[in-house]
Amino acid sequence: MYALGLHPSRDVGGIVNVYIDEVRELVRLIEPEPVTGSTSDGYHTFDELYHHRAVLFSVIVTMFRGLSWKSLHHHDGTMYDGMFIVGIDTPAGPATYHYDVEPYWDMFPCRVLDRAPEWDGHTPDDAIERIGTLRDLLQAEVKEEGSEK
């Protein structure tokens, strides 16, 4: 207990007495810190990883412009404050992400839709799996180009 900075005393009945300020300090030590954009895993913050995902997805969207779209509105006209949705129609189904309009809107050179297609219920795991199917399209294209030579 002394390592934690507590200085308990025992009363006559053998009960340990601790000052309330010491208990509050212990509670503060065990309460998790709120998760924010600056929360880090020791290597990257959430803000850095969010930005990396945006840049990487913008490259994919640029490579597959004909399959990609973005919108300031969901299919029902709603949207999160200050955000937009960008999607790509993969062979396995759509994959979508939400991004802040500033600074990301102009990073995605694709069709602008008045409203996004209706969400098919895909999860983040589904989205990344579907994005992976685009690799198959690229590999098929490379094979096709190689066979022409």
N, C-alpha and C. Protein backbone atom coordinates (compact mmCIF):
# COMPACT_ATOMS: atom_id res chain seq x y z
N MET A 1 0.81 -1.19 0.00
CA MET A 1 0.00 0.00 0.00
C MET A 1 0.86 1.26 0.00
N TYR A 2 2.04 1.16 0.64
CA TYR A 2 2.91 2.33 0.70
C TYR A 2 3.42 2.71 -0.69
N ALA A 3 3.60 1.70 -1.58
CA ALA A 3 4.07 1.98 -2.94
C ALA A 3 3.06 2.84 -3.70
N LEU A 4 1.79 2.72 -3.34
CA LEU A 4 0.74 3.50 -3.99
C LEU A 4 0.58 4.87 -3.36
N GLY A 5 1.37 5.14 -2.34
CA GLY A 5 1.28 6.44 -1.70
C GLY A 5 0.28 6.48 -0.56
N LEU A 6 -0.27 5.31 -0.19
CA LEU A 6 -1.24 5.26 0.89
C LEU A 6 -0.51 5.13 2.23
N HIS A 7 -1.04 5.76 3.18
CA HIS A 7 -0.47 5.69 4.53
C HIS A 7 -1.58 5.31 5.49
N PRO A 8 -1.95 4.02 5.48
CA PRO A 8 -3.07 3.61 6.31
C PRO A 8 -2.70 3.59 7.79
N SER A 9 -3.72 3.73 8.57
CA SER A 9 -3.54 3.56 10.01
C SER A 9 -4.62 2.60 10.49
N ARG A 10 -4.37 1.92 11.57
CA ARG A 10 -5.34 0.98 12.11
C ARG A 10 -5.93 1.58 13.38
N ASP A 11 -7.24 1.45 13.48
CA ASP A 11 -7.85 1.89 14.72
C ASP A 11 -7.89 0.72 15.70
N VAL A 12 -8.47 0.91 16.80
CA VAL A 12 -8.47 -0.11 17.86
C VAL A 12 -9.12 -1.40 17.40
N GLY A 13 -10.15 -1.34 16.59
CA GLY A 13 -10.85 -2.55 16.14
C GLY A 13 -10.14 -3.29 15.03
N GLY A 14 -8.98 -2.83 14.56
CA GLY A 14 -8.23 -3.49 13.49
C GLY A 14 -8.66 -3.09 12.10
N ILE A 15 -9.55 -2.15 12.00
CA ILE A 15 -10.02 -1.70 10.69
C ILE A 15 -9.00 -0.71 10.13
N VAL A 16 -8.69 -0.86 8.83
CA VAL A 16 -7.74 0.04 8.18
C VAL A 16 -8.46 1.32 7.81
N ASN A 17 -7.90 2.42 8.19
CA ASN A 17 -8.44 3.73 7.84
C ASN A 17 -7.57 4.36 6.77
N VAL A 18 -8.20 4.88 5.72
CA VAL A 18 -7.49 5.53 4.63
C VAL A 18 -8.19 6.86 4.37
N TYR A 19 -7.41 7.88 4.09
CA TYR A 19 -8.00 9.18 3.79
C TYR A 19 -8.77 9.13 2.48
N ILE A 20 -9.90 9.83 2.40
CA ILE A 20 -10.75 9.83 1.21
C ILE A 20 -9.99 10.35 -0.01
N ASP A 21 -9.08 11.31 0.16
CA ASP A 21 -8.28 11.81 -0.98
C ASP A 21 -7.40 10.71 -1.55
N GLU A 22 -6.93 9.83 -0.69
CA GLU A 22 -6.11 8.72 -1.17
C GLU A 22 -6.96 7.73 -1.96
N VAL A 23 -8.19 7.51 -1.52
CA VAL A 23 -9.10 6.63 -2.25
C VAL A 23 -9.43 7.23 -3.61
N ARG A 24 -9.67 8.51 -3.66
CA ARG A 24 -9.95 9.19 -4.95
C ARG A 24 -8.77 9.05 -5.91
N GLU A 25 -7.57 9.16 -5.37
CA GLU A 25 -6.37 9.00 -6.21
C GLU A 25 -6.31 7.58 -6.77
N LEU A 26 -6.63 6.59 -5.96
CA LEU A 26 -6.65 5.22 -6.45
C LEU A 26 -7.70 5.05 -7.56
N VAL A 27 -8.87 5.61 -7.37
CA VAL A 27 -9.92 5.53 -8.38
C VAL A 27 -9.46 6.20 -9.67
N ARG A 28 -8.81 7.34 -9.55
CA ARG A 28 -8.30 8.04 -10.74
C ARG A 28 -7.30 7.17 -11.49
N LEU A 29 -6.49 6.41 -10.75
CA LEU A 29 -5.49 5.56 -11.38
C LEU A 29 -6.10 4.38 -12.13
N ILE A 30 -7.26 3.91 -11.69
CA ILE A 30 -7.86 2.74 -12.35
C ILE A 30 -8.93 3.11 -13.37
N GLU A 31 -9.39 4.36 -13.37
CA GLU A 31 -10.36 4.77 -14.38
C GLU A 31 -9.65 4.92 -15.72
N PRO A 32 -10.21 4.34 -16.78
CA PRO A 32 -9.56 4.47 -18.09
C PRO A 32 -9.62 5.92 -18.57
N GLU A 33 -8.59 6.31 -19.28
CA GLU A 33 -8.58 7.63 -19.91
C GLU A 33 -9.57 7.60 -21.07
N PRO A 34 -10.24 8.71 -21.33
CA PRO A 34 -11.15 8.73 -22.48
C PRO A 34 -10.37 8.53 -23.78
N VAL A 35 -10.97 7.82 -24.71
CA VAL A 35 -10.35 7.57 -26.01
C VAL A 35 -10.62 8.78 -26.89
N THR A 36 -9.55 9.36 -27.43
CA THR A 36 -9.66 10.51 -28.33
C THR A 36 -8.80 10.26 -29.55
N GLY A 37 -8.79 11.20 -30.46
CA GLY A 37 -7.94 11.08 -31.64
C GLY A 37 -6.47 11.03 -31.31
N SER A 38 -6.08 11.54 -30.16
CA SER A 38 -4.67 11.52 -29.78
C SER A 38 -4.31 10.27 -28.98
N THR A 39 -5.29 9.38 -28.74
CA THR A 39 -5.00 8.12 -28.07
C THR A 39 -4.06 7.32 -28.96
N SER A 40 -3.03 6.75 -28.36
CA SER A 40 -1.99 6.05 -29.11
C SER A 40 -1.84 4.62 -28.63
N ASP A 41 -1.43 3.77 -29.54
CA ASP A 41 -1.07 2.40 -29.18
C ASP A 41 0.43 2.32 -28.87
N GLY A 42 1.07 3.46 -28.82
CA GLY A 42 2.51 3.51 -28.60
C GLY A 42 3.28 3.74 -29.89
N TYR A 43 2.60 3.60 -31.01
CA TYR A 43 3.22 3.80 -32.32
C TYR A 43 2.50 4.88 -33.12
N HIS A 44 1.17 4.81 -33.14
CA HIS A 44 0.36 5.74 -33.91
C HIS A 44 -0.83 6.19 -33.09
N THR A 45 -1.32 7.39 -33.37
CA THR A 45 -2.56 7.85 -32.74
C THR A 45 -3.73 7.45 -33.63
N PHE A 46 -4.93 7.50 -33.06
CA PHE A 46 -6.12 7.24 -33.87
C PHE A 46 -6.21 8.24 -35.01
N ASP A 47 -5.88 9.51 -34.76
CA ASP A 47 -5.92 10.52 -35.83
C ASP A 47 -4.98 10.16 -36.97
N GLU A 48 -3.77 9.70 -36.64
CA GLU A 48 -2.82 9.30 -37.70
C GLU A 48 -3.37 8.13 -38.50
N LEU A 49 -3.91 7.13 -37.82
CA LEU A 49 -4.43 5.95 -38.52
C LEU A 49 -5.65 6.30 -39.39
N TYR A 50 -6.50 7.19 -38.90
CA TYR A 50 -7.65 7.66 -39.68
C TYR A 50 -7.17 8.34 -40.95
N HIS A 51 -6.16 9.20 -40.81
CA HIS A 51 -5.61 9.90 -41.98
C HIS A 51 -4.97 8.90 -42.95
N HIS A 52 -4.22 7.95 -42.44
CA HIS A 52 -3.60 6.93 -43.30
C HIS A 52 -4.67 6.17 -44.08
N ARG A 53 -5.76 5.76 -43.39
CA ARG A 53 -6.84 5.05 -44.06
C ARG A 53 -7.44 5.91 -45.16
N ALA A 54 -7.62 7.19 -44.90
CA ALA A 54 -8.20 8.08 -45.91
C ALA A 54 -7.29 8.18 -47.14
N VAL A 55 -6.01 8.35 -46.92
CA VAL A 55 -5.07 8.46 -48.04
C VAL A 55 -5.04 7.16 -48.84
N LEU A 56 -4.94 6.03 -48.14
CA LEU A 56 -4.87 4.74 -48.83
C LEU A 56 -6.16 4.45 -49.60
N PHE A 57 -7.31 4.73 -48.99
CA PHE A 57 -8.57 4.49 -49.69
C PHE A 57 -8.73 5.43 -50.87
N SER A 58 -8.21 6.66 -50.76
CA SER A 58 -8.29 7.59 -51.88
C SER A 58 -7.48 7.08 -53.08
N VAL A 59 -6.39 6.39 -52.82
CA VAL A 59 -5.60 5.80 -53.92
C VAL A 59 -6.41 4.70 -54.60
N ILE A 60 -7.08 3.88 -53.81
CA ILE A 60 -7.91 2.81 -54.38
C ILE A 60 -9.05 3.42 -55.20
N VAL A 61 -9.70 4.44 -54.66
CA VAL A 61 -10.80 5.09 -55.38
C VAL A 61 -10.28 5.69 -56.69
N THR A 62 -9.11 6.30 -56.65
CA THR A 62 -8.53 6.89 -57.85
C THR A 62 -8.25 5.81 -58.90
N MET A 63 -7.77 4.66 -58.46
CA MET A 63 -7.48 3.56 -59.39
C MET A 63 -8.75 2.96 -59.99
N PHE A 64 -9.84 3.03 -59.26
CA PHE A 64 -11.11 2.44 -59.69
C PHE A 64 -12.20 3.51 -59.74
N ARG A 65 -11.92 4.60 -60.43
CA ARG A 65 -12.88 5.72 -60.49
C ARG A 65 -14.24 5.31 -61.01
N GLY A 66 -14.27 4.43 -61.98
CA GLY A 66 -15.54 3.99 -62.56
C GLY A 66 -16.41 3.21 -61.60
N LEU A 67 -15.83 2.67 -60.57
CA LEU A 67 -16.57 1.90 -59.57
C LEU A 67 -16.85 2.69 -58.30
N SER A 68 -16.34 3.92 -58.24
CA SER A 68 -16.37 4.69 -57.00
C SER A 68 -17.33 5.87 -57.04
N TRP A 69 -17.75 6.29 -55.87
CA TRP A 69 -18.68 7.40 -55.73
C TRP A 69 -18.53 8.02 -54.34
N LYS A 70 -19.06 9.23 -54.19
CA LYS A 70 -19.11 9.87 -52.87
C LYS A 70 -20.38 10.70 -52.80
N SER A 71 -20.83 10.96 -51.56
CA SER A 71 -22.05 11.71 -51.38
C SER A 71 -22.05 12.40 -50.02
N LEU A 72 -22.71 13.54 -49.98
CA LEU A 72 -22.89 14.27 -48.73
C LEU A 72 -24.10 13.75 -47.95
N HIS A 73 -24.83 12.78 -48.55
CA HIS A 73 -26.04 12.26 -47.91
C HIS A 73 -26.11 10.74 -48.01
N HIS A 74 -26.61 10.11 -46.96
CA HIS A 74 -26.97 8.69 -47.03
C HIS A 74 -28.18 8.56 -47.95
N HIS A 75 -28.59 7.34 -48.22
CA HIS A 75 -29.73 7.12 -49.12
C HIS A 75 -31.00 7.79 -48.61
N ASP A 76 -31.12 7.95 -47.28
CA ASP A 76 -32.34 8.54 -46.71
C ASP A 76 -32.22 10.05 -46.46
N GLY A 77 -31.13 10.64 -46.94
CA GLY A 77 -30.94 12.08 -46.81
C GLY A 77 -30.22 12.52 -45.55
N THR A 78 -29.92 11.59 -44.64
CA THR A 78 -29.21 11.95 -43.41
C THR A 78 -27.70 11.93 -43.64
N MET A 79 -26.96 12.50 -42.72
CA MET A 79 -25.50 12.40 -42.72
C MET A 79 -24.99 12.88 -41.38
N TYR A 80 -23.86 12.37 -40.97
CA TYR A 80 -23.21 12.82 -39.75
C TYR A 80 -22.66 14.23 -39.97
N ASP A 81 -22.71 15.06 -38.95
CA ASP A 81 -22.27 16.45 -39.07
C ASP A 81 -20.85 16.55 -39.61
N GLY A 82 -20.70 17.33 -40.70
CA GLY A 82 -19.39 17.61 -41.26
C GLY A 82 -18.74 16.45 -41.99
N MET A 83 -19.53 15.43 -42.32
CA MET A 83 -18.94 14.23 -42.94
C MET A 83 -19.59 13.93 -44.29
N PHE A 84 -18.97 13.01 -45.01
CA PHE A 84 -19.52 12.49 -46.25
C PHE A 84 -19.22 11.00 -46.28
N ILE A 85 -19.83 10.31 -47.23
CA ILE A 85 -19.58 8.88 -47.39
C ILE A 85 -18.96 8.67 -48.76
N VAL A 86 -18.00 7.77 -48.83
CA VAL A 86 -17.37 7.42 -50.09
C VAL A 86 -17.40 5.90 -50.20
N GLY A 87 -17.69 5.43 -51.40
CA GLY A 87 -17.82 3.99 -51.57
C GLY A 87 -17.24 3.51 -52.87
N ILE A 88 -17.03 2.20 -52.92
CA ILE A 88 -16.55 1.56 -54.13
C ILE A 88 -17.33 0.27 -54.30
N ASP A 89 -17.79 0.02 -55.51
CA ASP A 89 -18.57 -1.17 -55.80
C ASP A 89 -17.62 -2.28 -56.24
N THR A 90 -17.31 -3.18 -55.32
CA THR A 90 -16.37 -4.27 -55.58
C THR A 90 -17.13 -5.47 -56.14
N PRO A 91 -16.42 -6.47 -56.66
CA PRO A 91 -17.10 -7.69 -57.13
C PRO A 91 -17.90 -8.38 -56.02
N ALA A 92 -17.53 -8.17 -54.76
CA ALA A 92 -18.22 -8.82 -53.64
C ALA A 92 -19.29 -7.92 -53.02
N GLY A 93 -19.46 -6.71 -53.54
CA GLY A 93 -20.43 -5.78 -52.98
C GLY A 93 -19.76 -4.48 -52.59
N PRO A 94 -20.56 -3.50 -52.18
CA PRO A 94 -19.99 -2.18 -51.87
C PRO A 94 -19.17 -2.18 -50.59
N ALA A 95 -18.20 -1.29 -50.56
CA ALA A 95 -17.40 -1.01 -49.37
C ALA A 95 -17.42 0.49 -49.19
N THR A 96 -17.73 0.95 -47.99
CA THR A 96 -17.88 2.38 -47.76
C THR A 96 -17.16 2.82 -46.50
N TYR A 97 -16.81 4.10 -46.49
CA TYR A 97 -16.24 4.74 -45.31
C TYR A 97 -16.81 6.14 -45.21
N HIS A 98 -16.86 6.65 -44.01
CA HIS A 98 -17.22 8.05 -43.75
C HIS A 98 -15.95 8.82 -43.46
N TYR A 99 -15.89 10.04 -43.96
CA TYR A 99 -14.75 10.93 -43.71
C TYR A 99 -15.25 12.34 -43.45
N ASP A 100 -14.42 13.13 -42.79
CA ASP A 100 -14.71 14.54 -42.60
C ASP A 100 -14.62 15.24 -43.96
N VAL A 101 -15.59 16.12 -44.25
CA VAL A 101 -15.57 16.86 -45.51
C VAL A 101 -14.25 17.62 -45.62
N GLU A 102 -13.88 18.31 -44.58
CA GLU A 102 -12.58 18.98 -44.54
C GLU A 102 -11.64 18.16 -43.70
N PRO A 103 -10.56 17.70 -44.22
CA PRO A 103 -9.91 18.08 -45.48
C PRO A 103 -10.03 17.02 -46.57
N TYR A 104 -10.97 16.06 -46.45
CA TYR A 104 -10.89 14.86 -47.29
C TYR A 104 -11.74 14.86 -48.56
N TRP A 105 -12.75 15.71 -48.68
CA TRP A 105 -13.64 15.65 -49.85
C TRP A 105 -12.88 15.64 -51.17
N ASP A 106 -11.98 16.59 -51.36
CA ASP A 106 -11.27 16.72 -52.64
C ASP A 106 -10.24 15.62 -52.87
N MET A 107 -9.94 14.84 -51.86
CA MET A 107 -8.97 13.76 -51.98
C MET A 107 -9.53 12.57 -52.78
N PHE A 108 -10.86 12.53 -52.95
CA PHE A 108 -11.52 11.40 -53.61
C PHE A 108 -12.10 11.83 -54.96
N PRO A 109 -11.34 11.63 -56.06
CA PRO A 109 -11.79 12.04 -57.39
C PRO A 109 -12.72 10.98 -58.01
N CYS A 110 -14.00 11.10 -57.70
CA CYS A 110 -14.95 10.12 -58.21
C CYS A 110 -16.32 10.79 -58.40
N ARG A 111 -17.27 10.00 -58.91
CA ARG A 111 -18.62 10.53 -59.13
C ARG A 111 -19.20 11.06 -57.82
N VAL A 112 -19.91 12.15 -57.92
CA VAL A 112 -20.63 12.70 -56.78
C VAL A 112 -22.11 12.36 -56.96
N LEU A 113 -22.67 11.67 -55.99
CA LEU A 113 -24.08 11.30 -56.02
C LEU A 113 -24.86 12.20 -55.08
N ASP A 114 -26.10 12.53 -55.46
CA ASP A 114 -26.96 13.30 -54.58
C ASP A 114 -27.20 12.54 -53.28
N ARG A 115 -27.40 11.23 -53.40
CA ARG A 115 -27.58 10.36 -52.24
C ARG A 115 -26.82 9.06 -52.48
N ALA A 116 -26.23 8.54 -51.41
CA ALA A 116 -25.50 7.28 -51.51
C ALA A 116 -26.48 6.13 -51.74
N PRO A 117 -26.02 5.06 -52.34
CA PRO A 117 -26.88 3.87 -52.44
C PRO A 117 -27.26 3.39 -51.03
N GLU A 118 -28.36 2.68 -50.95
CA GLU A 118 -28.80 2.16 -49.65
C GLU A 118 -27.77 1.19 -49.10
N TRP A 119 -27.48 1.31 -47.83
CA TRP A 119 -26.50 0.46 -47.14
C TRP A 119 -27.00 -0.98 -47.13
N ASP A 120 -26.14 -1.91 -47.49
CA ASP A 120 -26.52 -3.32 -47.56
C ASP A 120 -26.24 -4.07 -46.25
N GLY A 121 -25.84 -3.33 -45.23
CA GLY A 121 -25.57 -3.96 -43.93
C GLY A 121 -24.14 -4.42 -43.74
N HIS A 122 -23.26 -4.09 -44.69
CA HIS A 122 -21.88 -4.58 -44.56
C HIS A 122 -21.20 -3.99 -43.32
N THR A 123 -20.35 -4.80 -42.73
CA THR A 123 -19.59 -4.43 -41.53
C THR A 123 -18.21 -3.93 -41.94
N PRO A 124 -17.45 -3.38 -41.01
CA PRO A 124 -16.06 -3.02 -41.34
C PRO A 124 -15.25 -4.23 -41.83
N ASP A 125 -15.47 -5.39 -41.24
CA ASP A 125 -14.77 -6.59 -41.71
C ASP A 125 -15.17 -6.93 -43.14
N ASP A 126 -16.47 -6.80 -43.45
CA ASP A 126 -16.93 -7.04 -44.82
C ASP A 126 -16.28 -6.05 -45.78
N ALA A 127 -16.22 -4.78 -45.37
CA ALA A 127 -15.68 -3.74 -46.25
C ALA A 127 -14.24 -4.05 -46.63
N ILE A 128 -13.41 -4.38 -45.67
CA ILE A 128 -12.00 -4.63 -46.01
C ILE A 128 -11.85 -5.92 -46.82
N GLU A 129 -12.70 -6.90 -46.55
CA GLU A 129 -12.66 -8.13 -47.35
C GLU A 129 -13.07 -7.83 -48.80
N ARG A 130 -14.09 -7.01 -48.96
CA ARG A 130 -14.55 -6.64 -50.30
C ARG A 130 -13.49 -5.83 -51.03
N ILE A 131 -12.84 -4.92 -50.34
CA ILE A 131 -11.77 -4.14 -50.96
C ILE A 131 -10.66 -5.06 -51.44
N GLY A 132 -10.40 -6.11 -50.68
CA GLY A 132 -9.39 -7.10 -51.08
C GLY A 132 -9.70 -7.77 -52.40
N THR A 133 -10.98 -7.86 -52.77
CA THR A 133 -11.33 -8.49 -54.05
C THR A 133 -10.89 -7.64 -55.23
N LEU A 134 -10.63 -6.38 -54.99
CA LEU A 134 -10.14 -5.52 -56.07
C LEU A 134 -8.73 -5.94 -56.51
N ARG A 135 -8.00 -6.53 -55.60
CA ARG A 135 -6.66 -7.05 -55.92
C ARG A 135 -6.77 -8.09 -57.03
N ASP A 136 -7.82 -8.92 -56.96
CA ASP A 136 -8.04 -9.93 -58.00
C ASP A 136 -8.25 -9.28 -59.36
N LEU A 137 -8.98 -8.17 -59.38
CA LEU A 137 -9.18 -7.45 -60.65
C LEU A 137 -7.86 -6.95 -61.21
N LEU A 138 -7.03 -6.40 -60.33
CA LEU A 138 -5.72 -5.89 -60.77
C LEU A 138 -4.82 -7.02 -61.25
N GLN A 139 -4.84 -8.15 -60.54
CA GLN A 139 -4.00 -9.28 -60.94
C GLN A 139 -4.45 -9.85 -62.28
N ALA A 140 -5.75 -9.88 -62.52
CA ALA A 140 -6.28 -10.36 -63.80
C ALA A 140 -5.85 -9.42 -64.92
N GLU A 141 -5.86 -8.12 -64.62
CA GLU A 141 -5.45 -7.12 -65.61
C GLU A 141 -3.97 -7.28 -65.94
N VAL A 142 -3.16 -7.53 -64.95
CA VAL A 142 -1.72 -7.71 -65.17
C VAL A 142 -1.48 -8.98 -66.01
N LYS A 143 -2.19 -10.05 -65.71
CA LYS A 143 -2.06 -11.29 -66.49
C LYS A 143 -2.46 -11.07 -67.94
N GLU A 144 -3.55 -10.32 -68.12
CA GLU A 144 -4.04 -10.03 -69.48
C GLU A 144 -3.02 -9.22 -70.26
N GLU A 145 -2.43 -8.22 -69.61
CA GLU A 145 -1.41 -7.42 -70.28
C GLU A 145 -0.19 -8.24 -70.61
N GLY A 146 0.18 -9.15 -69.74
CA GLY A 146 1.33 -10.01 -69.96
C GLY A 146 1.14 -10.98 -71.08
N SER A 147 -0.09 -11.41 -71.32
CA SER A 147 -0.36 -12.38 -72.39
C SER A 147 -0.38 -11.73 -73.75
N GLU A 148 -0.49 -10.39 -73.78
CA GLU A 148 -0.50 -9.67 -75.06
C GLU A 148 0.89 -9.48 -75.62
N LYS A 149 1.90 -9.63 -74.77
CA LYS A 149 3.27 -9.35 -75.23
C LYS A 149 3.90 -10.53 -75.89
